[in-house]
Amino acid sequence: MPFQELKPKVTAILNTEELSVDHRMTQICELLKESIPYYDWVGFYFKNGDKEELKLRSFAGEPTDHIIIPFGKGICGQVAVSNENFVVADVKAQDNYIACSMFVKAEIVIPLFVNGENIGQIDIDSHTANPFSKEDELFLEFVNKEVAKILS
C-alpha cells in the first residue's frame, strides 16, 4: 500500500481517543507491518524514565529479547544519542548492530520528538536487503509527528 494511502489510516488510528495510547501505538505497528511487505518488525522504543536507555513500548512482529537498549548500543541506541535518522542497508556491515533475528537484513530507525526533545523512536527491521528509500524516511517522520501529538 502506498504511503499516501496509509497516512489517513495512521491519523485515524491515533485519533481514536477511546483506545489507550499503547493500544493505538500497537495498532500503528500492526498497520505498517501488514501494509508494507518489507516491514517485518515494527516497534516503538522510548526513553526509560531518567535512565540512559530505551524501553520497548509497542511492536508488531516476532517477540524480541531486546526490551531494554542502552543509549549508544545498536542502531536504536545510536539514534537515541545522535537524534538523527539511521538507515542501514545491510546490518552485517554495521559494527554496532544488535542482532534481533537471523533473518534481519536491513533496519531503519527514526527519532520521535516531542517539544524538540528526542523521547523515542520507531524501529523497523526488514528481511529484505536494502529496501528503505527516502520515501520510507519521510513517511516514518510523518508517523512520528502524528504519534507525538498523542504523547504531548
Protein backbone atom coordinates (compact mmCIF):
# COMPACT_ATOMS: atom_id res chain seq x y z
CA MET A 1 0.00 0.00 0.00
CA PRO A 2 1.43 3.39 -0.96
CA PHE A 3 2.47 5.69 1.85
CA GLN A 4 -0.05 8.37 0.80
CA GLU A 5 -2.89 5.86 1.32
CA LEU A 6 -1.53 4.92 4.75
CA LYS A 7 -1.31 8.47 6.11
CA PRO A 8 -5.08 8.93 6.74
CA LYS A 9 -5.23 5.46 8.31
CA VAL A 10 -2.39 6.37 10.69
CA THR A 11 -4.16 9.60 11.64
CA ALA A 12 -7.50 7.83 12.12
CA ILE A 13 -5.97 5.24 14.47
CA LEU A 14 -4.18 7.87 16.52
CA ASN A 15 -7.34 9.98 16.79
CA THR A 16 -9.36 7.06 18.24
CA GLU A 17 -9.34 8.51 21.76
CA GLU A 18 -11.46 5.74 23.28
CA LEU A 19 -8.43 3.45 22.88
CA SER A 20 -5.39 3.75 25.17
CA VAL A 21 -2.24 5.36 23.79
CA ASP A 22 -0.44 2.00 23.95
CA HIS A 23 -3.26 0.27 22.06
CA ARG A 24 -3.19 2.94 19.34
CA MET A 25 0.59 2.66 19.02
CA THR A 26 0.36 -1.13 18.71
CA GLN A 27 -2.28 -0.68 16.01
CA ILE A 28 0.10 1.62 14.12
CA CYS A 29 2.83 -1.05 14.33
CA GLU A 30 0.41 -3.68 13.05
CA LEU A 31 -0.86 -1.45 10.23
CA LEU A 32 2.66 -0.75 8.98
CA LYS A 33 3.80 -4.36 9.28
CA GLU A 34 0.71 -5.65 7.44
CA SER A 35 0.67 -2.93 4.76
CA ILE A 36 4.32 -2.70 3.72
CA PRO A 37 5.71 -6.05 2.55
CA TYR A 38 9.31 -5.36 3.62
CA TYR A 39 8.40 -4.12 7.14
CA ASP A 40 8.88 -7.40 9.01
CA TRP A 41 9.11 -5.98 12.55
CA VAL A 42 7.85 -2.57 13.66
CA GLY A 43 8.27 -1.18 17.14
CA PHE A 44 8.38 1.96 19.25
CA TYR A 45 11.12 2.41 21.83
CA PHE A 46 11.05 5.25 24.36
CA LYS A 47 13.47 6.75 26.83
CA ASN A 48 13.07 4.76 30.06
CA GLY A 49 12.40 7.43 32.69
CA ASP A 50 15.62 9.25 33.53
CA LYS A 51 17.81 6.26 32.66
CA GLU A 52 20.21 6.33 29.71
CA GLU A 53 18.31 3.55 27.98
CA LEU A 54 15.37 2.82 25.71
CA LYS A 55 12.44 0.58 26.58
CA LEU A 56 10.22 -1.20 24.07
CA ARG A 57 6.64 0.04 24.37
CA SER A 58 4.68 -1.28 21.38
CA PHE A 59 5.52 -3.59 18.49
CA ALA A 60 4.25 -5.92 15.77
CA GLY A 61 6.21 -8.96 14.65
CA GLU A 62 8.21 -11.65 16.39
CA PRO A 63 8.79 -11.08 20.12
CA THR A 64 12.26 -9.74 20.90
CA ASP A 65 14.63 -10.16 23.81
CA HIS A 66 15.70 -6.55 23.29
CA ILE A 67 13.19 -4.88 25.59
CA ILE A 68 15.86 -2.54 27.04
CA ILE A 69 18.59 -0.99 24.87
CA PRO A 70 21.33 1.17 26.42
CA PHE A 71 21.99 4.55 24.77
CA GLY A 72 24.76 4.19 22.22
CA LYS A 73 24.27 0.43 21.75
CA GLY A 74 22.93 -0.87 18.45
CA ILE A 75 21.18 1.24 15.84
CA CYS A 76 18.40 2.29 18.23
CA GLY A 77 20.86 3.26 20.94
CA GLN A 78 22.87 5.31 18.45
CA VAL A 79 19.76 7.21 17.31
CA ALA A 80 18.94 7.98 20.96
CA VAL A 81 22.29 9.81 21.10
CA SER A 82 22.56 11.27 17.57
CA ASN A 83 18.92 12.48 17.22
CA GLU A 84 19.17 11.62 13.53
CA ASN A 85 17.57 9.10 11.20
CA PHE A 86 19.64 5.96 10.69
CA VAL A 87 19.07 3.78 7.61
CA VAL A 88 21.03 0.54 7.49
CA ALA A 89 21.01 -1.12 4.08
CA ASP A 90 22.98 -4.15 5.32
CA VAL A 91 23.07 -4.92 9.05
CA LYS A 92 26.10 -7.19 8.58
CA ALA A 93 28.13 -4.11 7.60
CA GLN A 94 27.39 -2.40 10.95
CA ASP A 95 29.84 -2.95 13.81
CA ASN A 96 27.41 -1.76 16.47
CA TYR A 97 24.37 -3.76 15.31
CA ILE A 98 22.34 -5.79 17.84
CA ALA A 99 21.01 -8.89 16.08
CA CYS A 100 17.33 -9.41 16.86
CA SER A 101 16.77 -12.18 14.34
CA MET A 102 18.98 -14.07 11.94
CA PHE A 103 16.56 -13.08 9.17
CA VAL A 104 17.02 -9.30 9.54
CA LYS A 105 18.97 -7.83 6.64
CA ALA A 106 18.18 -4.10 6.97
CA GLU A 107 16.92 -1.63 9.58
CA ILE A 108 15.59 1.91 9.72
CA VAL A 109 15.27 3.95 12.91
CA ILE A 110 13.64 7.39 13.03
CA PRO A 111 13.74 9.51 16.21
CA LEU A 112 10.48 10.73 17.72
CA PHE A 113 10.49 14.27 19.08
CA VAL A 114 8.06 15.94 21.48
CA ASN A 115 8.64 19.66 22.04
CA GLY A 116 12.06 19.36 20.40
CA GLU A 117 13.24 16.53 22.67
CA ASN A 118 14.09 13.05 21.35
CA ILE A 119 11.87 10.87 23.57
CA GLY A 120 11.85 7.71 21.49
CA GLN A 121 11.89 6.22 18.04
CA ILE A 122 10.24 3.96 15.56
CA ASP A 123 12.37 0.95 14.62
CA ILE A 124 11.74 -1.24 11.59
CA ASP A 125 13.56 -4.44 10.69
CA SER A 126 13.38 -5.95 7.22
CA HIS A 127 14.19 -9.42 5.94
CA THR A 128 14.84 -7.76 2.56
CA ALA A 129 18.28 -6.35 1.72
CA ASN A 130 18.43 -2.58 1.20
CA PRO A 131 14.65 -1.97 0.95
CA PHE A 132 14.40 1.50 2.51
CA SER A 133 14.17 4.70 0.46
CA LYS A 134 13.88 8.41 1.18
CA GLU A 135 10.11 7.89 0.92
CA ASP A 136 10.25 5.46 3.86
CA GLU A 137 12.14 8.06 5.90
CA LEU A 138 9.66 10.82 5.08
CA PHE A 139 6.67 8.58 5.78
CA LEU A 140 8.08 7.42 9.14
CA GLU A 141 8.86 11.03 10.09
CA PHE A 142 5.18 11.74 9.40
CA VAL A 143 4.14 8.77 11.58
CA ASN A 144 6.32 10.00 14.44
CA LYS A 145 4.94 13.55 14.19
CA GLU A 146 1.42 12.13 14.42
CA VAL A 147 2.33 9.88 17.38
CA ALA A 148 3.96 12.85 19.14
CA LYS A 149 0.56 14.61 19.12
CA ILE A 150 -0.97 11.94 21.38
CA LEU A 151 2.06 11.89 23.71
CA SER A 152 2.40 15.61 24.39
